[in-house]
Amino acid sequence: MAIETEIKVIVPQTVIVATCAQHGWALRTPRTFEDNWLWDTPDGRLQQRHELLRLRRFGPRVTLTWKGPTTGTSQYKVREEWEVMVGDFTVMQRILERLGYRVWFRYQKYRTEYTMGDDLHITVDETPIGTFVELEGPPDAIERAIDRFGWREYPRTTANYYRLFLEAVAAGRYTGSHMLFPEHPEGESGGK
């Protein structure tokens, strides 16, 4: 069983750049456009069970991911996660549709991936509602990194991007039914 443990930290872009340089984050994947399609049954069965089914295009790479309900403490998002590489986004989309699934939410971001040591995965996600740093790894590695980076003062959250999107809409910082970049071709056409 694969278990994901992570948090998001809301850090100003200038601080992210300085922290990366100061602490020697190793670049794993350069800034890459990512398009995420969340799927569910017409009656919302997966959402009711707090599960997620995502078809993601990350540059040329396509993955299908299932995530289970969040468990553990509220300090970290801990959940079972299974992911598989898919050869063709459109074919997988058609398979999901034929199985009765429908897209209920899309969100986009530019993601840059880093590592630090063997146990911490760092991603910088630039989204239409702001920039977030995801720290993924064992809780002690996450806490050591926050102390080492001097990030205790910055807000942290276990919210997923859908919940963050809803908060941005409620606060009047974003409009629309999906979290898309209007200037990106995938934002208007739906990637079809």
N, C-alpha and C. Protein backbone atom coordinates (compact mmCIF):
# COMPACT_ATOMS: atom_id res chain seq x y z
N MET A 1 0.84 -1.17 0.00
CA MET A 1 0.00 0.00 0.00
C MET A 1 0.89 1.24 0.00
N ALA A 2 0.59 2.21 -0.87
CA ALA A 2 1.31 3.47 -0.94
C ALA A 2 0.61 4.50 -0.06
N ILE A 3 1.36 5.16 0.81
CA ILE A 3 0.81 6.19 1.70
C ILE A 3 1.48 7.52 1.38
N GLU A 4 0.67 8.55 1.23
CA GLU A 4 1.16 9.90 0.96
C GLU A 4 0.98 10.71 2.24
N THR A 5 2.04 11.41 2.68
CA THR A 5 1.98 12.30 3.83
C THR A 5 2.52 13.65 3.39
N GLU A 6 1.68 14.69 3.48
CA GLU A 6 2.11 15.99 2.97
C GLU A 6 1.38 17.13 3.66
N ILE A 7 1.93 18.33 3.46
CA ILE A 7 1.27 19.58 3.81
C ILE A 7 1.58 20.59 2.72
N LYS A 8 0.77 21.64 2.67
CA LYS A 8 1.06 22.78 1.80
C LYS A 8 1.42 23.95 2.68
N VAL A 9 2.42 24.72 2.27
CA VAL A 9 2.83 25.92 2.98
C VAL A 9 2.69 27.09 2.02
N ILE A 10 2.08 28.17 2.49
CA ILE A 10 1.85 29.34 1.65
C ILE A 10 2.98 30.33 1.93
N VAL A 11 3.92 30.38 0.99
CA VAL A 11 5.16 31.13 1.15
C VAL A 11 5.31 32.10 -0.02
N PRO A 12 5.71 33.37 0.22
CA PRO A 12 5.93 34.30 -0.89
C PRO A 12 6.99 33.77 -1.88
N GLN A 13 6.79 34.08 -3.14
CA GLN A 13 7.68 33.60 -4.20
C GLN A 13 9.14 33.98 -3.93
N THR A 14 9.38 35.19 -3.45
CA THR A 14 10.76 35.61 -3.19
C THR A 14 11.41 34.76 -2.11
N VAL A 15 10.64 34.37 -1.11
CA VAL A 15 11.16 33.52 -0.03
C VAL A 15 11.45 32.12 -0.57
N ILE A 16 10.59 31.61 -1.45
CA ILE A 16 10.81 30.30 -2.04
C ILE A 16 12.14 30.28 -2.80
N VAL A 17 12.36 31.29 -3.63
CA VAL A 17 13.60 31.36 -4.43
C VAL A 17 14.82 31.43 -3.52
N ALA A 18 14.77 32.26 -2.49
CA ALA A 18 15.90 32.41 -1.57
C ALA A 18 16.15 31.11 -0.80
N THR A 19 15.07 30.46 -0.34
CA THR A 19 15.21 29.21 0.43
C THR A 19 15.81 28.11 -0.43
N CYS A 20 15.35 28.02 -1.68
CA CYS A 20 15.87 27.01 -2.61
C CYS A 20 17.38 27.18 -2.79
N ALA A 21 17.81 28.42 -3.02
CA ALA A 21 19.23 28.70 -3.23
C ALA A 21 20.04 28.44 -1.96
N GLN A 22 19.53 28.88 -0.81
CA GLN A 22 20.26 28.76 0.45
C GLN A 22 20.41 27.31 0.91
N HIS A 23 19.39 26.49 0.68
CA HIS A 23 19.39 25.13 1.22
C HIS A 23 19.67 24.05 0.20
N GLY A 24 19.99 24.44 -1.01
CA GLY A 24 20.45 23.49 -2.01
C GLY A 24 19.43 22.44 -2.43
N TRP A 25 18.19 22.89 -2.69
CA TRP A 25 17.21 21.94 -3.20
C TRP A 25 17.71 21.39 -4.53
N ALA A 26 17.61 20.10 -4.73
CA ALA A 26 18.03 19.47 -5.99
C ALA A 26 16.84 19.44 -6.94
N LEU A 27 17.01 20.06 -8.11
CA LEU A 27 15.93 20.09 -9.09
C LEU A 27 15.69 18.69 -9.63
N ARG A 28 14.46 18.26 -9.53
CA ARG A 28 14.07 16.94 -10.03
C ARG A 28 13.34 17.07 -11.37
N THR A 29 12.43 18.05 -11.45
CA THR A 29 11.68 18.30 -12.69
C THR A 29 11.53 19.80 -12.84
N PRO A 30 11.96 20.38 -13.98
CA PRO A 30 11.80 21.82 -14.17
C PRO A 30 10.33 22.21 -14.28
N ARG A 31 10.08 23.49 -14.20
CA ARG A 31 8.71 24.04 -14.26
C ARG A 31 7.97 23.45 -15.46
N THR A 32 6.84 22.79 -15.16
CA THR A 32 6.08 22.06 -16.17
C THR A 32 4.59 22.31 -15.98
N PHE A 33 3.89 22.51 -17.09
CA PHE A 33 2.44 22.70 -17.03
C PHE A 33 1.77 21.38 -16.67
N GLU A 34 0.74 21.47 -15.80
CA GLU A 34 0.02 20.30 -15.34
C GLU A 34 -1.49 20.57 -15.43
N ASP A 35 -2.23 19.60 -15.98
CA ASP A 35 -3.68 19.71 -16.11
C ASP A 35 -4.30 18.50 -15.43
N ASN A 36 -5.14 18.74 -14.44
CA ASN A 36 -5.74 17.69 -13.60
C ASN A 36 -7.24 17.65 -13.82
N TRP A 37 -7.76 16.44 -14.07
CA TRP A 37 -9.20 16.22 -14.28
C TRP A 37 -9.65 15.27 -13.18
N LEU A 38 -10.60 15.73 -12.34
CA LEU A 38 -11.13 14.89 -11.27
C LEU A 38 -12.44 14.27 -11.75
N TRP A 39 -12.57 12.96 -11.51
CA TRP A 39 -13.69 12.18 -12.02
C TRP A 39 -14.52 11.61 -10.88
N ASP A 40 -15.81 11.42 -11.15
CA ASP A 40 -16.70 10.78 -10.19
C ASP A 40 -17.90 10.23 -10.94
N THR A 41 -18.70 9.45 -10.25
CA THR A 41 -19.96 8.97 -10.81
C THR A 41 -20.95 10.13 -10.82
N PRO A 42 -22.00 10.05 -11.63
CA PRO A 42 -22.98 11.15 -11.65
C PRO A 42 -23.60 11.44 -10.29
N ASP A 43 -23.69 10.45 -9.42
CA ASP A 43 -24.26 10.67 -8.08
C ASP A 43 -23.20 11.04 -7.03
N GLY A 44 -21.95 11.26 -7.45
CA GLY A 44 -20.90 11.71 -6.53
C GLY A 44 -20.44 10.68 -5.52
N ARG A 45 -20.50 9.42 -5.89
CA ARG A 45 -20.17 8.33 -4.96
C ARG A 45 -18.74 8.44 -4.39
N LEU A 46 -17.76 8.78 -5.24
CA LEU A 46 -16.38 8.87 -4.75
C LEU A 46 -16.22 10.02 -3.75
N GLN A 47 -16.81 11.17 -4.06
CA GLN A 47 -16.73 12.30 -3.13
C GLN A 47 -17.41 11.97 -1.80
N GLN A 48 -18.52 11.26 -1.86
CA GLN A 48 -19.21 10.87 -0.63
C GLN A 48 -18.33 9.99 0.25
N ARG A 49 -17.48 9.18 -0.38
CA ARG A 49 -16.57 8.29 0.36
C ARG A 49 -15.22 8.96 0.62
N HIS A 50 -15.09 10.25 0.25
CA HIS A 50 -13.85 11.02 0.43
C HIS A 50 -12.69 10.39 -0.35
N GLU A 51 -13.01 9.89 -1.53
CA GLU A 51 -12.00 9.32 -2.44
C GLU A 51 -11.83 10.27 -3.62
N LEU A 52 -10.71 10.10 -4.30
CA LEU A 52 -10.42 10.95 -5.45
C LEU A 52 -9.93 10.08 -6.59
N LEU A 53 -10.40 10.36 -7.80
CA LEU A 53 -9.93 9.71 -9.01
C LEU A 53 -9.49 10.82 -9.96
N ARG A 54 -8.19 10.84 -10.29
CA ARG A 54 -7.62 11.96 -11.05
C ARG A 54 -6.89 11.45 -12.28
N LEU A 55 -7.16 12.09 -13.41
CA LEU A 55 -6.39 11.88 -14.63
C LEU A 55 -5.55 13.13 -14.82
N ARG A 56 -4.23 12.96 -14.84
CA ARG A 56 -3.32 14.11 -14.86
C ARG A 56 -2.42 14.04 -16.10
N ARG A 57 -2.27 15.21 -16.72
CA ARG A 57 -1.28 15.39 -17.78
C ARG A 57 -0.21 16.33 -17.21
N PHE A 58 1.01 15.84 -17.09
CA PHE A 58 2.13 16.60 -16.55
C PHE A 58 3.22 16.59 -17.62
N GLY A 59 3.25 17.67 -18.43
CA GLY A 59 4.12 17.65 -19.60
C GLY A 59 3.68 16.48 -20.48
N PRO A 60 4.61 15.62 -20.92
CA PRO A 60 4.23 14.48 -21.76
C PRO A 60 3.73 13.27 -20.96
N ARG A 61 3.86 13.33 -19.64
CA ARG A 61 3.51 12.19 -18.79
C ARG A 61 2.03 12.23 -18.40
N VAL A 62 1.35 11.09 -18.49
CA VAL A 62 -0.06 10.98 -18.13
C VAL A 62 -0.18 9.93 -17.03
N THR A 63 -0.89 10.27 -15.94
CA THR A 63 -1.09 9.32 -14.85
C THR A 63 -2.56 9.29 -14.44
N LEU A 64 -2.96 8.12 -13.97
CA LEU A 64 -4.28 7.94 -13.36
C LEU A 64 -4.02 7.63 -11.90
N THR A 65 -4.68 8.37 -11.01
CA THR A 65 -4.43 8.24 -9.57
C THR A 65 -5.74 8.05 -8.82
N TRP A 66 -5.73 7.11 -7.88
CA TRP A 66 -6.82 6.98 -6.92
C TRP A 66 -6.24 7.31 -5.55
N LYS A 67 -6.98 8.12 -4.78
CA LYS A 67 -6.59 8.44 -3.41
C LYS A 67 -7.74 8.11 -2.48
N GLY A 68 -7.41 7.51 -1.35
CA GLY A 68 -8.41 7.16 -0.36
C GLY A 68 -8.68 8.31 0.59
N PRO A 69 -9.56 8.08 1.57
CA PRO A 69 -9.88 9.12 2.55
C PRO A 69 -8.66 9.51 3.37
N THR A 70 -8.63 10.75 3.81
CA THR A 70 -7.56 11.22 4.68
C THR A 70 -7.69 10.54 6.04
N THR A 71 -6.54 10.14 6.58
CA THR A 71 -6.51 9.51 7.90
C THR A 71 -5.50 10.23 8.78
N GLY A 72 -5.42 9.82 10.03
CA GLY A 72 -4.40 10.36 10.94
C GLY A 72 -4.78 11.71 11.51
N THR A 73 -3.77 12.46 11.90
CA THR A 73 -3.98 13.75 12.55
C THR A 73 -4.36 14.82 11.53
N SER A 74 -4.88 15.92 12.01
CA SER A 74 -5.22 17.02 11.11
C SER A 74 -4.00 17.86 10.75
N GLN A 75 -2.86 17.56 11.35
CA GLN A 75 -1.65 18.34 11.08
C GLN A 75 -1.06 18.03 9.71
N TYR A 76 -1.27 16.79 9.22
CA TYR A 76 -0.75 16.37 7.92
C TYR A 76 -1.88 15.70 7.14
N LYS A 77 -1.78 15.78 5.83
CA LYS A 77 -2.71 15.02 5.01
C LYS A 77 -2.06 13.66 4.76
N VAL A 78 -2.67 12.60 5.28
CA VAL A 78 -2.17 11.25 5.15
C VAL A 78 -3.26 10.42 4.49
N ARG A 79 -2.92 9.82 3.36
CA ARG A 79 -3.93 9.02 2.67
C ARG A 79 -3.28 7.98 1.78
N GLU A 80 -4.02 6.91 1.56
CA GLU A 80 -3.58 5.87 0.65
C GLU A 80 -3.65 6.43 -0.77
N GLU A 81 -2.64 6.08 -1.58
CA GLU A 81 -2.58 6.60 -2.94
C GLU A 81 -2.02 5.54 -3.88
N TRP A 82 -2.70 5.34 -4.99
CA TRP A 82 -2.24 4.42 -6.04
C TRP A 82 -2.22 5.16 -7.36
N GLU A 83 -1.10 5.04 -8.08
CA GLU A 83 -0.95 5.78 -9.32
C GLU A 83 -0.33 4.88 -10.38
N VAL A 84 -0.79 5.06 -11.63
CA VAL A 84 -0.27 4.28 -12.74
C VAL A 84 -0.05 5.19 -13.94
N MET A 85 1.01 4.94 -14.68
CA MET A 85 1.27 5.67 -15.92
C MET A 85 0.28 5.20 -16.98
N VAL A 86 -0.18 6.14 -17.79
CA VAL A 86 -1.13 5.86 -18.86
C VAL A 86 -0.50 6.32 -20.17
N GLY A 87 -0.65 5.53 -21.21
CA GLY A 87 -0.01 5.86 -22.48
C GLY A 87 -0.70 6.95 -23.27
N ASP A 88 -2.03 7.12 -23.12
CA ASP A 88 -2.77 8.05 -23.95
C ASP A 88 -3.88 8.71 -23.12
N PHE A 89 -3.77 10.02 -22.94
CA PHE A 89 -4.74 10.76 -22.14
C PHE A 89 -6.16 10.61 -22.69
N THR A 90 -6.32 10.82 -23.99
CA THR A 90 -7.65 10.79 -24.60
C THR A 90 -8.29 9.42 -24.50
N VAL A 91 -7.51 8.36 -24.70
CA VAL A 91 -8.05 7.00 -24.59
C VAL A 91 -8.50 6.74 -23.15
N MET A 92 -7.68 7.14 -22.17
CA MET A 92 -8.06 6.93 -20.76
C MET A 92 -9.32 7.74 -20.43
N GLN A 93 -9.40 8.94 -20.96
CA GLN A 93 -10.59 9.78 -20.77
C GLN A 93 -11.82 9.05 -21.31
N ARG A 94 -11.73 8.48 -22.48
CA ARG A 94 -12.85 7.76 -23.09
C ARG A 94 -13.23 6.52 -22.26
N ILE A 95 -12.22 5.82 -21.75
CA ILE A 95 -12.50 4.64 -20.91
C ILE A 95 -13.28 5.05 -19.67
N LEU A 96 -12.83 6.12 -19.01
CA LEU A 96 -13.53 6.59 -17.81
C LEU A 96 -14.97 7.00 -18.13
N GLU A 97 -15.15 7.68 -19.26
CA GLU A 97 -16.50 8.06 -19.66
C GLU A 97 -17.37 6.83 -19.91
N ARG A 98 -16.82 5.82 -20.58
CA ARG A 98 -17.59 4.60 -20.88
C ARG A 98 -17.94 3.83 -19.61
N LEU A 99 -17.11 3.99 -18.58
CA LEU A 99 -17.39 3.35 -17.29
C LEU A 99 -18.42 4.13 -16.47
N GLY A 100 -18.85 5.27 -16.98
CA GLY A 100 -19.88 6.05 -16.30
C GLY A 100 -19.36 7.20 -15.46
N TYR A 101 -18.06 7.46 -15.51
CA TYR A 101 -17.50 8.57 -14.75
C TYR A 101 -17.63 9.87 -15.54
N ARG A 102 -17.70 10.99 -14.80
CA ARG A 102 -17.78 12.33 -15.39
C ARG A 102 -16.78 13.24 -14.69
N VAL A 103 -16.26 14.21 -15.44
CA VAL A 103 -15.36 15.20 -14.84
C VAL A 103 -16.21 16.16 -14.01
N TRP A 104 -15.84 16.33 -12.74
CA TRP A 104 -16.57 17.27 -11.89
C TRP A 104 -15.74 18.50 -11.54
N PHE A 105 -14.41 18.41 -11.73
CA PHE A 105 -13.56 19.57 -11.45
C PHE A 105 -12.24 19.42 -12.18
N ARG A 106 -11.78 20.55 -12.72
CA ARG A 106 -10.44 20.60 -13.34
C ARG A 106 -9.64 21.70 -12.67
N TYR A 107 -8.34 21.42 -12.50
CA TYR A 107 -7.46 22.46 -12.00
C TYR A 107 -6.10 22.34 -12.68
N GLN A 108 -5.47 23.49 -12.87
CA GLN A 108 -4.19 23.55 -13.56
C GLN A 108 -3.16 24.24 -12.69
N LYS A 109 -1.91 23.93 -12.99
CA LYS A 109 -0.82 24.59 -12.28
C LYS A 109 0.47 24.40 -13.07
N TYR A 110 1.46 25.18 -12.71
CA TYR A 110 2.83 24.96 -13.18
C TYR A 110 3.57 24.41 -11.97
N ARG A 111 4.14 23.24 -12.14
CA ARG A 111 4.79 22.56 -11.02
C ARG A 111 6.28 22.42 -11.28
N THR A 112 7.08 22.74 -10.24
CA THR A 112 8.52 22.50 -10.25
C THR A 112 8.80 21.55 -9.09
N GLU A 113 9.53 20.47 -9.35
CA GLU A 113 9.77 19.45 -8.33
C GLU A 113 11.24 19.46 -7.90
N TYR A 114 11.43 19.35 -6.58
CA TYR A 114 12.76 19.31 -5.99
C TYR A 114 12.83 18.15 -4.99
N THR A 115 14.04 17.79 -4.62
CA THR A 115 14.25 16.88 -3.51
C THR A 115 15.28 17.51 -2.58
N MET A 116 15.25 17.05 -1.34
CA MET A 116 16.25 17.47 -0.37
C MET A 116 16.54 16.26 0.49
N GLY A 117 17.72 15.70 0.34
CA GLY A 117 18.03 14.46 1.04
C GLY A 117 17.23 13.32 0.42
N ASP A 118 17.16 12.23 1.14
CA ASP A 118 16.46 11.06 0.63
C ASP A 118 15.00 11.01 1.01
N ASP A 119 14.59 11.86 1.96
CA ASP A 119 13.26 11.67 2.51
C ASP A 119 12.29 12.83 2.34
N LEU A 120 12.66 13.88 1.61
CA LEU A 120 11.76 15.01 1.46
C LEU A 120 11.60 15.37 -0.01
N HIS A 121 10.35 15.41 -0.44
CA HIS A 121 9.99 15.81 -1.79
C HIS A 121 9.34 17.19 -1.69
N ILE A 122 9.83 18.15 -2.47
CA ILE A 122 9.36 19.53 -2.42
C ILE A 122 8.80 19.88 -3.79
N THR A 123 7.57 20.38 -3.83
CA THR A 123 7.02 20.86 -5.09
C THR A 123 6.54 22.29 -4.91
N VAL A 124 6.83 23.09 -5.92
CA VAL A 124 6.35 24.47 -5.95
C VAL A 124 5.26 24.51 -7.01
N ASP A 125 4.04 24.79 -6.58
CA ASP A 125 2.87 24.81 -7.46
C ASP A 125 2.39 26.23 -7.65
N GLU A 126 2.52 26.73 -8.88
CA GLU A 126 1.99 28.05 -9.24
C GLU A 126 0.61 27.81 -9.85
N THR A 127 -0.43 28.29 -9.17
CA THR A 127 -1.81 28.05 -9.59
C THR A 127 -2.49 29.38 -9.92
N PRO A 128 -3.66 29.34 -10.52
CA PRO A 128 -4.40 30.59 -10.76
C PRO A 128 -4.82 31.30 -9.47
N ILE A 129 -4.76 30.63 -8.31
CA ILE A 129 -5.15 31.27 -7.05
C ILE A 129 -3.97 31.55 -6.13
N GLY A 130 -2.75 31.29 -6.59
CA GLY A 130 -1.58 31.57 -5.77
C GLY A 130 -0.54 30.46 -5.85
N THR A 131 0.56 30.67 -5.16
CA THR A 131 1.66 29.72 -5.15
C THR A 131 1.68 28.97 -3.82
N PHE A 132 1.86 27.65 -3.91
CA PHE A 132 1.88 26.78 -2.73
C PHE A 132 3.10 25.88 -2.82
N VAL A 133 3.72 25.62 -1.68
CA VAL A 133 4.82 24.66 -1.61
C VAL A 133 4.30 23.42 -0.90
N GLU A 134 4.39 22.28 -1.58
CA GLU A 134 4.00 21.02 -0.95
C GLU A 134 5.27 20.33 -0.44
N LEU A 135 5.22 19.93 0.82
CA LEU A 135 6.29 19.15 1.42
C LEU A 135 5.74 17.76 1.67
N GLU A 136 6.38 16.77 1.06
CA GLU A 136 5.90 15.39 1.19
C GLU A 136 7.03 14.51 1.70
N GLY A 137 6.69 13.71 2.71
CA GLY A 137 7.65 12.79 3.30
C GLY A 137 7.21 12.45 4.71
N PRO A 138 8.09 11.82 5.47
CA PRO A 138 7.74 11.51 6.86
C PRO A 138 7.52 12.80 7.65
N PRO A 139 6.60 12.79 8.62
CA PRO A 139 6.32 14.01 9.40
C PRO A 139 7.57 14.64 10.01
N ASP A 140 8.51 13.83 10.53
CA ASP A 140 9.71 14.42 11.13
C ASP A 140 10.56 15.14 10.09
N ALA A 141 10.60 14.64 8.85
CA ALA A 141 11.35 15.31 7.78
C ALA A 141 10.68 16.62 7.39
N ILE A 142 9.35 16.62 7.36
CA ILE A 142 8.61 17.84 7.05
C ILE A 142 8.88 18.90 8.12
N GLU A 143 8.79 18.52 9.39
CA GLU A 143 9.00 19.48 10.49
C GLU A 143 10.44 19.99 10.53
N ARG A 144 11.41 19.11 10.29
CA ARG A 144 12.82 19.55 10.23
C ARG A 144 13.01 20.58 9.12
N ALA A 145 12.38 20.33 7.97
CA ALA A 145 12.52 21.26 6.84
C ALA A 145 11.90 22.62 7.17
N ILE A 146 10.72 22.62 7.77
CA ILE A 146 10.08 23.89 8.13
C ILE A 146 10.96 24.68 9.10
N ASP A 147 11.55 24.00 10.08
CA ASP A 147 12.47 24.68 11.01
C ASP A 147 13.71 25.18 10.28
N ARG A 148 14.30 24.32 9.48
CA ARG A 148 15.53 24.66 8.76
C ARG A 148 15.31 25.84 7.81
N PHE A 149 14.15 25.86 7.14
CA PHE A 149 13.85 26.95 6.20
C PHE A 149 13.41 28.23 6.90
N GLY A 150 13.07 28.14 8.20
CA GLY A 150 12.56 29.31 8.91
C GLY A 150 11.14 29.67 8.48
N TRP A 151 10.32 28.65 8.22
CA TRP A 151 8.98 28.85 7.68
C TRP A 151 7.87 28.70 8.72
N ARG A 152 8.17 28.68 10.00
CA ARG A 152 7.13 28.52 11.02
C ARG A 152 6.07 29.63 10.96
N GLU A 153 6.45 30.81 10.50
CA GLU A 153 5.52 31.94 10.47
C GLU A 153 4.51 31.87 9.32
N TYR A 154 4.75 31.00 8.34
CA TYR A 154 3.88 30.96 7.17
C TYR A 154 2.73 29.98 7.37
N PRO A 155 1.56 30.33 6.83
CA PRO A 155 0.41 29.43 6.99
C PRO A 155 0.66 28.09 6.30
N ARG A 156 0.14 27.04 6.93
CA ARG A 156 0.21 25.71 6.33
C ARG A 156 -1.19 25.13 6.32
N THR A 157 -1.43 24.24 5.38
CA THR A 157 -2.76 23.68 5.23
C THR A 157 -2.68 22.25 4.71
N THR A 158 -3.70 21.48 5.03
CA THR A 158 -3.84 20.14 4.46
C THR A 158 -4.94 20.14 3.40
N ALA A 159 -5.47 21.31 3.08
CA ALA A 159 -6.55 21.41 2.10
C ALA A 159 -6.10 20.96 0.73
N ASN A 160 -7.01 20.34 -0.01
CA ASN A 160 -6.71 20.00 -1.40
C ASN A 160 -6.98 21.23 -2.27
N TYR A 161 -6.61 21.12 -3.56
CA TYR A 161 -6.76 22.29 -4.43
C TYR A 161 -8.23 22.64 -4.67
N TYR A 162 -9.13 21.71 -4.61
CA TYR A 162 -10.55 22.04 -4.76
C TYR A 162 -11.02 22.91 -3.59
N ARG A 163 -10.66 22.54 -2.38
CA ARG A 163 -11.06 23.34 -1.22
C ARG A 163 -10.41 24.73 -1.25
N LEU A 164 -9.15 24.80 -1.65
CA LEU A 164 -8.48 26.10 -1.78
C LEU A 164 -9.15 26.96 -2.85
N PHE A 165 -9.58 26.32 -3.93
CA PHE A 165 -10.31 27.00 -5.00
C PHE A 165 -11.62 27.57 -4.46
N LEU A 166 -12.38 26.75 -3.70
CA LEU A 166 -13.65 27.22 -3.13
C LEU A 166 -13.43 28.41 -2.20
N GLU A 167 -12.36 28.37 -1.40
CA GLU A 167 -12.04 29.48 -0.51
C GLU A 167 -11.72 30.75 -1.31
N ALA A 168 -10.98 30.60 -2.42
CA ALA A 168 -10.63 31.76 -3.25
C ALA A 168 -11.88 32.35 -3.90
N VAL A 169 -12.80 31.49 -4.36
CA VAL A 169 -14.05 31.97 -4.95
C VAL A 169 -14.88 32.70 -3.90
N ALA A 170 -15.00 32.11 -2.70
CA ALA A 170 -15.79 32.73 -1.63
C ALA A 170 -15.22 34.09 -1.21
N ALA A 171 -13.89 34.22 -1.28
CA ALA A 171 -13.24 35.48 -0.90
C ALA A 171 -13.23 36.50 -2.05
N GLY A 172 -13.74 36.10 -3.22
CA GLY A 172 -13.77 37.01 -4.36
C GLY A 172 -12.45 37.14 -5.09
N ARG A 173 -11.51 36.23 -4.83
CA ARG A 173 -10.21 36.28 -5.48
C ARG A 173 -10.16 35.52 -6.81
N TYR A 174 -11.24 34.78 -7.12
CA TYR A 174 -11.26 33.98 -8.34
C TYR A 174 -12.71 33.75 -8.74
N THR A 175 -12.97 33.72 -10.04
CA THR A 175 -14.30 33.39 -10.54
C THR A 175 -14.16 32.23 -11.52
N GLY A 176 -15.22 31.50 -11.69
CA GLY A 176 -15.22 30.37 -12.61
C GLY A 176 -15.56 29.09 -11.88
N SER A 177 -15.88 28.06 -12.65
CA SER A 177 -16.27 26.79 -12.05
C SER A 177 -15.12 25.79 -12.00
N HIS A 178 -14.01 26.11 -12.66
CA HIS A 178 -12.80 25.29 -12.62
C HIS A 178 -11.62 26.23 -12.40
N MET A 179 -10.50 25.71 -11.91
CA MET A 179 -9.32 26.52 -11.62
C MET A 179 -8.34 26.39 -12.79
N LEU A 180 -8.57 27.24 -13.81
CA LEU A 180 -7.82 27.13 -15.05
C LEU A 180 -7.12 28.45 -15.38
N PHE A 181 -5.99 28.34 -16.10
CA PHE A 181 -5.31 29.52 -16.62
C PHE A 181 -5.99 29.91 -17.93
N PRO A 182 -6.61 31.08 -18.01
CA PRO A 182 -7.29 31.44 -19.26
C PRO A 182 -6.34 31.60 -20.43
N GLU A 183 -5.08 31.97 -20.14
CA GLU A 183 -4.13 32.21 -21.23
C GLU A 183 -3.52 30.92 -21.78
N HIS A 184 -3.72 29.80 -21.10
CA HIS A 184 -3.17 28.53 -21.57
C HIS A 184 -4.19 27.85 -22.48
N PRO A 185 -3.76 27.30 -23.62
CA PRO A 185 -4.70 26.68 -24.55
C PRO A 185 -5.60 25.62 -23.89
N GLU A 186 -5.09 24.92 -22.91
CA GLU A 186 -5.88 23.89 -22.25
C GLU A 186 -6.98 24.50 -21.38
N GLY A 187 -6.83 25.79 -21.01
CA GLY A 187 -7.82 26.43 -20.16
C GLY A 187 -9.13 26.71 -20.86
N GLU A 188 -9.06 26.97 -22.13
CA GLU A 188 -10.28 27.31 -22.88
C GLU A 188 -10.86 26.11 -23.61
N SER A 189 -10.01 25.30 -24.20
CA SER A 189 -10.51 24.25 -25.08
C SER A 189 -10.86 22.98 -24.34
N GLY A 190 -10.40 22.86 -23.11
CA GLY A 190 -10.63 21.61 -22.38
C GLY A 190 -9.67 20.52 -22.79
N GLY A 191 -8.68 20.85 -23.59
CA GLY A 191 -7.67 19.88 -23.96
C GLY A 191 -8.12 18.86 -24.98
N LYS A 192 -9.26 19.07 -25.60
CA LYS A 192 -9.78 18.09 -26.56
C LYS A 192 -9.33 18.41 -27.95
